[in-house]
Structures are given as structure tokens and as C-alpha cells.
Amino acid sequence: MERQIALDRSDQLRALYEEVAGYPVPEDASDGEQAEPAAYFALPLRIEHDGRVLSFVSSISTFNTPMDVTVAELAIETFLPADPATSKYLHTLAG
């Protein structure tokens, strides 16, 4: 998100970043300690579809090169099933 803010200089994106950065870090349920930060390469996503909770891992790949502005602005976001149940459900939707 910081990279996108630097590229776009968007006040709305900056406001969203500041809001999300202020969210409390959840505690680990087992010992009451703060949970370790998630890995920076993936973001968990859970959505409900037709009464099912689907779990995904989102990863954004960017390509930086000082010689090509077009490529420097390219970002590819991929959503991968995070559990077998989500994978199976998606396969049934694909037919």
C-alpha cells in the first residue's frame, strides 16, 4: 500500500492506509500475547458466497525498473485458495 501511495499520491489511499494502520493487532488466543505479524508476501481474505465462507491468500507482485515507467506501475494480484474446502468448491463452480 505504501508503494501505491508513493506512485499515485492519492489522499484517499493515504487516509485508508492511516485508518488500517491504526487497527489493533489481535491477541494470540492461546497465550494472550500479541500475534506475530503476518508474512509480507501474502494477505488472508475470507468472503462469504452462497452461505459458504471461502478462504483465499492474496499476493501482489510488482515489477520495478527505473528504465520502464509502464512496467514500474504494473501490479498483478493473485487469489489462491487457502484451504481444501475452498479449492473443492471453486472446482465445482468451474464445472
N, C-alpha and C. Protein backbone atom coordinates (compact mmCIF):
# COMPACT_ATOMS: atom_id res chain seq x y z
N MET A 1 0.82 -1.18 0.00
CA MET A 1 0.00 0.00 0.00
C MET A 1 0.88 1.26 0.00
N GLU A 2 1.98 1.20 0.74
CA GLU A 2 2.88 2.35 0.77
C GLU A 2 3.43 2.63 -0.62
N ARG A 3 3.74 1.57 -1.35
CA ARG A 3 4.26 1.73 -2.72
C ARG A 3 3.21 2.40 -3.60
N GLN A 4 1.97 1.96 -3.48
CA GLN A 4 0.89 2.52 -4.30
C GLN A 4 0.66 3.99 -3.95
N ILE A 5 0.75 4.33 -2.69
CA ILE A 5 0.59 5.73 -2.27
C ILE A 5 1.70 6.58 -2.87
N ALA A 6 2.92 6.05 -2.85
CA ALA A 6 4.06 6.79 -3.41
C ALA A 6 3.89 7.00 -4.91
N LEU A 7 3.34 6.01 -5.61
CA LEU A 7 3.15 6.14 -7.06
C LEU A 7 2.00 7.07 -7.41
N ASP A 8 0.87 6.93 -6.69
CA ASP A 8 -0.35 7.67 -7.05
C ASP A 8 -0.51 9.01 -6.34
N ARG A 9 0.13 9.14 -5.17
CA ARG A 9 -0.04 10.34 -4.35
C ARG A 9 -1.53 10.63 -4.10
N SER A 10 -2.27 9.58 -3.74
CA SER A 10 -3.70 9.67 -3.54
C SER A 10 -4.03 9.98 -2.08
N ASP A 11 -4.76 11.06 -1.85
CA ASP A 11 -5.18 11.42 -0.49
C ASP A 11 -6.13 10.37 0.08
N GLN A 12 -7.00 9.82 -0.77
CA GLN A 12 -7.96 8.80 -0.31
C GLN A 12 -7.24 7.52 0.10
N LEU A 13 -6.26 7.11 -0.68
CA LEU A 13 -5.49 5.92 -0.33
C LEU A 13 -4.67 6.15 0.92
N ARG A 14 -4.10 7.32 1.08
CA ARG A 14 -3.36 7.67 2.30
C ARG A 14 -4.28 7.60 3.51
N ALA A 15 -5.51 8.12 3.39
CA ALA A 15 -6.46 8.08 4.51
C ALA A 15 -6.81 6.63 4.87
N LEU A 16 -7.01 5.79 3.85
CA LEU A 16 -7.31 4.37 4.10
C LEU A 16 -6.13 3.71 4.80
N TYR A 17 -4.92 3.98 4.34
CA TYR A 17 -3.73 3.40 4.95
C TYR A 17 -3.63 3.81 6.43
N GLU A 18 -3.84 5.07 6.71
CA GLU A 18 -3.75 5.55 8.10
C GLU A 18 -4.82 4.91 8.97
N GLU A 19 -6.02 4.71 8.41
CA GLU A 19 -7.09 4.05 9.17
C GLU A 19 -6.72 2.61 9.49
N VAL A 20 -6.30 1.86 8.47
CA VAL A 20 -5.98 0.45 8.67
C VAL A 20 -4.76 0.28 9.57
N ALA A 21 -3.78 1.16 9.44
CA ALA A 21 -2.58 1.08 10.29
C ALA A 21 -2.92 1.29 11.76
N GLY A 22 -4.04 1.96 12.03
CA GLY A 22 -4.45 2.20 13.41
C GLY A 22 -5.24 1.07 14.03
N TYR A 23 -5.58 0.04 13.25
CA TYR A 23 -6.33 -1.09 13.80
C TYR A 23 -5.47 -1.83 14.82
N PRO A 24 -6.09 -2.33 15.88
CA PRO A 24 -5.30 -3.06 16.88
C PRO A 24 -4.85 -4.41 16.33
N VAL A 25 -3.69 -4.85 16.80
CA VAL A 25 -3.17 -6.17 16.43
C VAL A 25 -3.87 -7.19 17.31
N PRO A 26 -4.48 -8.23 16.72
CA PRO A 26 -5.20 -9.22 17.54
C PRO A 26 -4.26 -9.99 18.46
N GLU A 27 -4.79 -10.41 19.59
CA GLU A 27 -4.01 -11.21 20.52
C GLU A 27 -4.07 -12.67 20.10
N ASP A 28 -3.01 -13.39 20.39
CA ASP A 28 -2.98 -14.83 20.16
C ASP A 28 -3.90 -15.48 21.19
N ALA A 29 -4.86 -16.25 20.73
CA ALA A 29 -5.87 -16.83 21.62
C ALA A 29 -5.27 -17.79 22.64
N SER A 30 -4.14 -18.39 22.34
CA SER A 30 -3.60 -19.41 23.23
C SER A 30 -2.92 -18.84 24.47
N ASP A 31 -2.26 -17.70 24.34
CA ASP A 31 -1.50 -17.21 25.49
C ASP A 31 -1.73 -15.74 25.83
N GLY A 32 -2.62 -15.07 25.12
CA GLY A 32 -2.92 -13.68 25.42
C GLY A 32 -1.88 -12.69 24.91
N GLU A 33 -0.82 -13.18 24.28
CA GLU A 33 0.22 -12.31 23.73
C GLU A 33 -0.24 -11.78 22.37
N GLN A 34 0.37 -10.68 21.94
CA GLN A 34 0.07 -10.17 20.60
C GLN A 34 0.56 -11.16 19.56
N ALA A 35 -0.26 -11.37 18.54
CA ALA A 35 0.11 -12.29 17.47
C ALA A 35 1.27 -11.71 16.67
N GLU A 36 2.09 -12.60 16.13
CA GLU A 36 3.18 -12.18 15.25
C GLU A 36 2.59 -11.57 13.99
N PRO A 37 3.22 -10.56 13.41
CA PRO A 37 2.72 -10.01 12.16
C PRO A 37 2.71 -11.06 11.06
N ALA A 38 1.72 -10.99 10.19
CA ALA A 38 1.63 -11.94 9.08
C ALA A 38 2.78 -11.71 8.11
N ALA A 39 3.06 -12.73 7.34
CA ALA A 39 4.12 -12.60 6.33
C ALA A 39 3.76 -11.49 5.35
N TYR A 40 4.75 -10.78 4.86
CA TYR A 40 4.50 -9.64 3.99
C TYR A 40 4.17 -10.03 2.56
N PHE A 41 4.36 -11.29 2.20
CA PHE A 41 4.13 -11.67 0.82
C PHE A 41 2.69 -12.08 0.54
N ALA A 42 1.87 -12.28 1.56
CA ALA A 42 0.50 -12.75 1.34
C ALA A 42 -0.46 -12.12 2.34
N LEU A 43 -1.69 -11.95 1.91
CA LEU A 43 -2.73 -11.36 2.73
C LEU A 43 -3.92 -12.31 2.77
N PRO A 44 -4.37 -12.74 3.96
CA PRO A 44 -5.52 -13.64 4.01
C PRO A 44 -6.81 -12.89 3.68
N LEU A 45 -7.74 -13.58 3.04
CA LEU A 45 -9.01 -12.99 2.66
C LEU A 45 -10.09 -14.03 2.85
N ARG A 46 -11.15 -13.67 3.57
CA ARG A 46 -12.30 -14.56 3.73
C ARG A 46 -13.54 -13.82 3.24
N ILE A 47 -14.27 -14.48 2.36
CA ILE A 47 -15.51 -13.91 1.87
C ILE A 47 -16.61 -14.96 1.97
N GLU A 48 -17.86 -14.50 2.03
CA GLU A 48 -19.00 -15.41 2.06
C GLU A 48 -19.65 -15.41 0.69
N HIS A 49 -19.91 -16.60 0.19
CA HIS A 49 -20.58 -16.76 -1.11
C HIS A 49 -21.60 -17.88 -0.98
N ASP A 50 -22.85 -17.58 -1.20
CA ASP A 50 -23.93 -18.57 -1.09
C ASP A 50 -23.89 -19.33 0.23
N GLY A 51 -23.67 -18.62 1.31
CA GLY A 51 -23.67 -19.23 2.64
C GLY A 51 -22.41 -19.97 3.02
N ARG A 52 -21.40 -19.95 2.16
CA ARG A 52 -20.12 -20.61 2.46
C ARG A 52 -19.06 -19.55 2.70
N VAL A 53 -18.18 -19.82 3.63
CA VAL A 53 -17.03 -18.94 3.85
C VAL A 53 -15.87 -19.50 3.03
N LEU A 54 -15.39 -18.69 2.10
CA LEU A 54 -14.27 -19.08 1.25
C LEU A 54 -13.02 -18.37 1.74
N SER A 55 -11.93 -19.12 1.82
CA SER A 55 -10.66 -18.55 2.32
C SER A 55 -9.65 -18.51 1.18
N PHE A 56 -9.03 -17.35 1.03
CA PHE A 56 -8.04 -17.15 -0.02
C PHE A 56 -6.79 -16.52 0.57
N VAL A 57 -5.71 -16.66 -0.15
CA VAL A 57 -4.49 -15.93 0.14
C VAL A 57 -4.26 -15.03 -1.07
N SER A 58 -4.09 -13.74 -0.80
CA SER A 58 -3.86 -12.77 -1.87
C SER A 58 -2.40 -12.36 -1.87
N SER A 59 -1.82 -12.36 -3.04
CA SER A 59 -0.43 -11.94 -3.19
C SER A 59 -0.35 -10.95 -4.35
N ILE A 60 0.35 -9.86 -4.15
CA ILE A 60 0.51 -8.85 -5.20
C ILE A 60 1.98 -8.82 -5.62
N SER A 61 2.20 -9.00 -6.90
CA SER A 61 3.55 -8.94 -7.46
C SER A 61 3.71 -7.63 -8.21
N THR A 62 4.82 -6.97 -7.99
CA THR A 62 5.11 -5.72 -8.69
C THR A 62 6.45 -5.86 -9.40
N PHE A 63 6.62 -5.06 -10.41
CA PHE A 63 7.83 -5.10 -11.23
C PHE A 63 8.42 -3.70 -11.26
N ASN A 64 9.54 -3.53 -10.63
CA ASN A 64 10.18 -2.22 -10.57
C ASN A 64 11.41 -2.20 -11.46
N THR A 65 11.46 -1.22 -12.30
CA THR A 65 12.66 -0.98 -13.08
C THR A 65 12.71 0.51 -13.40
N PRO A 66 13.80 1.17 -13.17
CA PRO A 66 13.86 2.60 -13.40
C PRO A 66 13.82 2.98 -14.87
N MET A 67 13.96 2.01 -15.76
CA MET A 67 14.05 2.33 -17.17
C MET A 67 12.71 2.22 -17.90
N ASP A 68 11.70 1.66 -17.27
CA ASP A 68 10.43 1.46 -17.94
C ASP A 68 9.28 1.83 -17.01
N VAL A 69 8.73 3.02 -17.19
CA VAL A 69 7.66 3.52 -16.33
C VAL A 69 6.42 2.63 -16.40
N THR A 70 6.10 2.12 -17.58
CA THR A 70 4.93 1.28 -17.74
C THR A 70 5.03 0.03 -16.88
N VAL A 71 6.16 -0.62 -16.89
CA VAL A 71 6.35 -1.83 -16.10
C VAL A 71 6.38 -1.51 -14.62
N ALA A 72 6.95 -0.38 -14.23
CA ALA A 72 7.04 0.01 -12.83
C ALA A 72 5.66 0.19 -12.21
N GLU A 73 4.65 0.51 -13.00
CA GLU A 73 3.30 0.71 -12.48
C GLU A 73 2.45 -0.55 -12.54
N LEU A 74 2.99 -1.64 -13.07
CA LEU A 74 2.26 -2.88 -13.22
C LEU A 74 2.24 -3.65 -11.90
N ALA A 75 1.06 -4.11 -11.51
CA ALA A 75 0.91 -4.96 -10.33
C ALA A 75 -0.07 -6.07 -10.68
N ILE A 76 0.27 -7.29 -10.32
CA ILE A 76 -0.59 -8.44 -10.58
C ILE A 76 -1.01 -9.03 -9.24
N GLU A 77 -2.34 -9.07 -8.99
CA GLU A 77 -2.85 -9.63 -7.75
C GLU A 77 -3.42 -11.02 -8.04
N THR A 78 -3.03 -11.98 -7.22
CA THR A 78 -3.46 -13.36 -7.39
C THR A 78 -4.17 -13.81 -6.12
N PHE A 79 -5.32 -14.46 -6.31
CA PHE A 79 -6.05 -15.03 -5.18
C PHE A 79 -5.99 -16.55 -5.30
N LEU A 80 -5.41 -17.20 -4.31
CA LEU A 80 -5.28 -18.65 -4.29
C LEU A 80 -6.10 -19.22 -3.14
N PRO A 81 -6.74 -20.38 -3.35
CA PRO A 81 -7.49 -21.00 -2.25
C PRO A 81 -6.57 -21.28 -1.07
N ALA A 82 -7.02 -20.95 0.12
CA ALA A 82 -6.19 -21.12 1.31
C ALA A 82 -6.48 -22.43 2.04
N ASP A 83 -7.51 -23.15 1.61
CA ASP A 83 -7.82 -24.42 2.25
C ASP A 83 -8.46 -25.38 1.24
N PRO A 84 -8.47 -26.66 1.54
CA PRO A 84 -9.02 -27.65 0.60
C PRO A 84 -10.51 -27.45 0.30
N ALA A 85 -11.28 -27.00 1.29
CA ALA A 85 -12.72 -26.81 1.07
C ALA A 85 -12.97 -25.71 0.04
N THR A 86 -12.22 -24.62 0.11
CA THR A 86 -12.37 -23.54 -0.86
C THR A 86 -11.96 -24.02 -2.25
N SER A 87 -10.87 -24.75 -2.33
CA SER A 87 -10.41 -25.27 -3.61
C SER A 87 -11.46 -26.18 -4.24
N LYS A 88 -12.00 -27.08 -3.45
CA LYS A 88 -13.01 -28.01 -3.96
C LYS A 88 -14.25 -27.26 -4.45
N TYR A 89 -14.70 -26.28 -3.68
CA TYR A 89 -15.88 -25.50 -4.07
C TYR A 89 -15.64 -24.75 -5.38
N LEU A 90 -14.48 -24.15 -5.52
CA LEU A 90 -14.17 -23.42 -6.76
C LEU A 90 -14.13 -24.36 -7.96
N HIS A 91 -13.62 -25.56 -7.77
CA HIS A 91 -13.59 -26.53 -8.85
C HIS A 91 -15.01 -26.93 -9.27
N THR A 92 -15.93 -27.01 -8.31
CA THR A 92 -17.32 -27.35 -8.67
C THR A 92 -17.96 -26.20 -9.44
N LEU A 93 -17.60 -24.96 -9.12
CA LEU A 93 -18.15 -23.81 -9.86
C LEU A 93 -17.62 -23.76 -11.29
N ALA A 94 -16.36 -24.17 -11.46
CA ALA A 94 -15.74 -24.13 -12.79
C ALA A 94 -16.30 -25.22 -13.70
N GLY A 95 -16.91 -26.24 -13.09
CA GLY A 95 -17.56 -27.29 -13.88
C GLY A 95 -16.60 -28.29 -14.33
